Amino acid sequence: MDFISDLEYGGIKKMIVFNDSYKSEGFEIGIEEANKILIDLGLHLEYKFIEDYVSDNGEYAYTLTVEKRKEPVDAKQMDLL
């Protein structure tokens, strides 16, 4: 319930860090597949790669934002997006 409330007030933004490029590529593919499922719920996962990020945890970092679409989109229309 708190998750939905937070979405209504601008979204939830988190950072995710990988220490392996294969894992980061899998993350991108997974997000695209998850968006296909979430589209009927009016939700969208937006990710952005952070250039030049380096830490002890890894060097492949992304910000991940869960967005609530103003109007749900029918999955049949997804190819049109």
C-alpha atoms as a PDB file:
ATOM      1  CA  MET A   1       0.000   0.000   0.000  1.00  0.00           C
ATOM      2  CA  ASP A   2       2.820   2.462   0.784  1.00  0.00           C
ATOM      3  CA  PHE A   3       4.348   1.553  -2.568  1.00  0.00           C
ATOM      4  CA  ILE A   4       1.281   2.742  -4.464  1.00  0.00           C
ATOM      5  CA  SER A   5       1.018   5.912  -2.352  1.00  0.00           C
ATOM      6  CA  ASP A   6       4.630   6.758  -3.150  1.00  0.00           C
ATOM      7  CA  LEU A   7       3.949   6.247  -6.842  1.00  0.00           C
ATOM      8  CA  GLU A   8       1.109   8.735  -6.758  1.00  0.00           C
ATOM      9  CA  TYR A   9       3.479  11.410  -5.454  1.00  0.00           C
ATOM     10  CA  GLY A  10       6.108  11.310  -8.174  1.00  0.00           C
ATOM     11  CA  GLY A  11       7.469   7.775  -8.271  1.00  0.00           C
ATOM     12  CA  ILE A  12      10.061   5.707  -6.486  1.00  0.00           C
ATOM     13  CA  LYS A  13      13.701   6.041  -7.506  1.00  0.00           C
ATOM     14  CA  LYS A  14      16.443   3.592  -6.517  1.00  0.00           C
ATOM     15  CA  MET A  15      20.011   2.937  -7.606  1.00  0.00           C
ATOM     16  CA  ILE A  16      21.196  -0.536  -8.574  1.00  0.00           C
ATOM     17  CA  VAL A  17      24.888  -1.446  -8.967  1.00  0.00           C
ATOM     18  CA  PHE A  18      26.381  -4.514 -10.683  1.00  0.00           C
ATOM     19  CA  ASN A  19      29.976  -5.727 -10.623  1.00  0.00           C
ATOM     20  CA  ASP A  20      29.603  -7.658 -13.875  1.00  0.00           C
ATOM     21  CA  SER A  21      28.668  -6.417 -17.352  1.00  0.00           C
ATOM     22  CA  TYR A  22      26.716  -9.607 -18.143  1.00  0.00           C
ATOM     23  CA  LYS A  23      24.510  -9.045 -15.100  1.00  0.00           C
ATOM     24  CA  SER A  24      23.891  -5.436 -16.126  1.00  0.00           C
ATOM     25  CA  GLU A  25      22.906  -6.527 -19.650  1.00  0.00           C
ATOM     26  CA  GLY A  26      20.518  -9.065 -18.137  1.00  0.00           C
ATOM     27  CA  PHE A  27      19.062  -6.311 -15.968  1.00  0.00           C
ATOM     28  CA  GLU A  28      18.250  -4.194 -19.036  1.00  0.00           C
ATOM     29  CA  ILE A  29      16.611  -7.136 -20.804  1.00  0.00           C
ATOM     30  CA  GLY A  30      14.662  -8.024 -17.656  1.00  0.00           C
ATOM     31  CA  ILE A  31      13.347  -4.478 -17.277  1.00  0.00           C
ATOM     32  CA  GLU A  32      12.063  -4.458 -20.847  1.00  0.00           C
ATOM     33  CA  GLU A  33      10.282  -7.779 -20.276  1.00  0.00           C
ATOM     34  CA  ALA A  34       8.845  -6.587 -16.942  1.00  0.00           C
ATOM     35  CA  ASN A  35       7.453  -3.492 -18.665  1.00  0.00           C
ATOM     36  CA  LYS A  36       5.452  -5.745 -20.986  1.00  0.00           C
ATOM     37  CA  ILE A  37       3.745  -7.229 -17.930  1.00  0.00           C
ATOM     38  CA  LEU A  38       3.303  -3.948 -16.041  1.00  0.00           C
ATOM     39  CA  ILE A  39       1.773  -2.058 -18.953  1.00  0.00           C
ATOM     40  CA  ASP A  40      -1.752  -3.356 -18.220  1.00  0.00           C
ATOM     41  CA  LEU A  41      -1.414  -2.060 -14.645  1.00  0.00           C
ATOM     42  CA  GLY A  42      -0.481   1.402 -15.828  1.00  0.00           C
ATOM     43  CA  LEU A  43       3.065   1.098 -14.464  1.00  0.00           C
ATOM     44  CA  HIS A  44       6.410   1.554 -16.185  1.00  0.00           C
ATOM     45  CA  LEU A  45       9.986   0.893 -15.070  1.00  0.00           C
ATOM     46  CA  GLU A  46      12.425   3.503 -16.336  1.00  0.00           C
ATOM     47  CA  TYR A  47      16.166   2.902 -16.015  1.00  0.00           C
ATOM     48  CA  LYS A  48      19.166   5.063 -16.795  1.00  0.00           C
ATOM     49  CA  PHE A  49      22.795   3.965 -16.928  1.00  0.00           C
ATOM     50  CA  ILE A  50      25.083   6.130 -14.787  1.00  0.00           C
ATOM     51  CA  GLU A  51      28.241   6.939 -16.769  1.00  0.00           C
ATOM     52  CA  ASP A  52      31.639   6.819 -15.017  1.00  0.00           C
ATOM     53  CA  TYR A  53      30.287   5.244 -11.809  1.00  0.00           C
ATOM     54  CA  VAL A  54      32.923   3.389  -9.763  1.00  0.00           C
ATOM     55  CA  SER A  55      32.657   2.047  -6.215  1.00  0.00           C
ATOM     56  CA  ASP A  56      33.627  -0.968  -4.151  1.00  0.00           C
ATOM     57  CA  ASN A  57      30.244  -2.513  -5.037  1.00  0.00           C
ATOM     58  CA  GLY A  58      30.765  -2.364  -8.805  1.00  0.00           C
ATOM     59  CA  GLU A  59      30.985  -0.093 -11.772  1.00  0.00           C
ATOM     60  CA  TYR A  60      27.758  -0.748 -13.680  1.00  0.00           C
ATOM     61  CA  ALA A  61      25.158   1.459 -12.002  1.00  0.00           C
ATOM     62  CA  TYR A  62      21.625   2.394 -12.946  1.00  0.00           C
ATOM     63  CA  THR A  63      18.883   4.510 -11.512  1.00  0.00           C
ATOM     64  CA  LEU A  64      15.553   2.740 -11.569  1.00  0.00           C
ATOM     65  CA  THR A  65      12.295   4.649 -11.350  1.00  0.00           C
ATOM     66  CA  VAL A  66       8.819   3.160 -11.057  1.00  0.00           C
ATOM     67  CA  GLU A  67       6.377   5.433 -12.821  1.00  0.00           C
ATOM     68  CA  LYS A  68       2.623   5.396 -12.851  1.00  0.00           C
ATOM     69  CA  ARG A  69       1.235   6.173 -16.280  1.00  0.00           C
ATOM     70  CA  LYS A  70      -1.574   8.670 -16.441  1.00  0.00           C
ATOM     71  CA  GLU A  71      -3.704   6.196 -18.372  1.00  0.00           C
ATOM     72  CA  PRO A  72      -3.168   2.427 -18.549  1.00  0.00           C
ATOM     73  CA  VAL A  73      -2.153   1.189 -21.983  1.00  0.00           C
ATOM     74  CA  ASP A  74      -3.579  -1.995 -23.436  1.00  0.00           C
ATOM     75  CA  ALA A  75      -0.826  -4.583 -23.989  1.00  0.00           C
ATOM     76  CA  LYS A  76      -2.036  -4.946 -27.590  1.00  0.00           C
ATOM     77  CA  GLN A  77      -0.958  -1.344 -28.169  1.00  0.00           C
ATOM     78  CA  MET A  78       2.537  -1.929 -26.828  1.00  0.00           C
ATOM     79  CA  ASP A  79       4.058  -2.380 -30.300  1.00  0.00           C
ATOM     80  CA  LEU A  80       2.841   1.129 -31.080  1.00  0.00           C
ATOM     81  CA  LEU A  81       4.854   2.725 -28.240  1.00  0.00           C
END
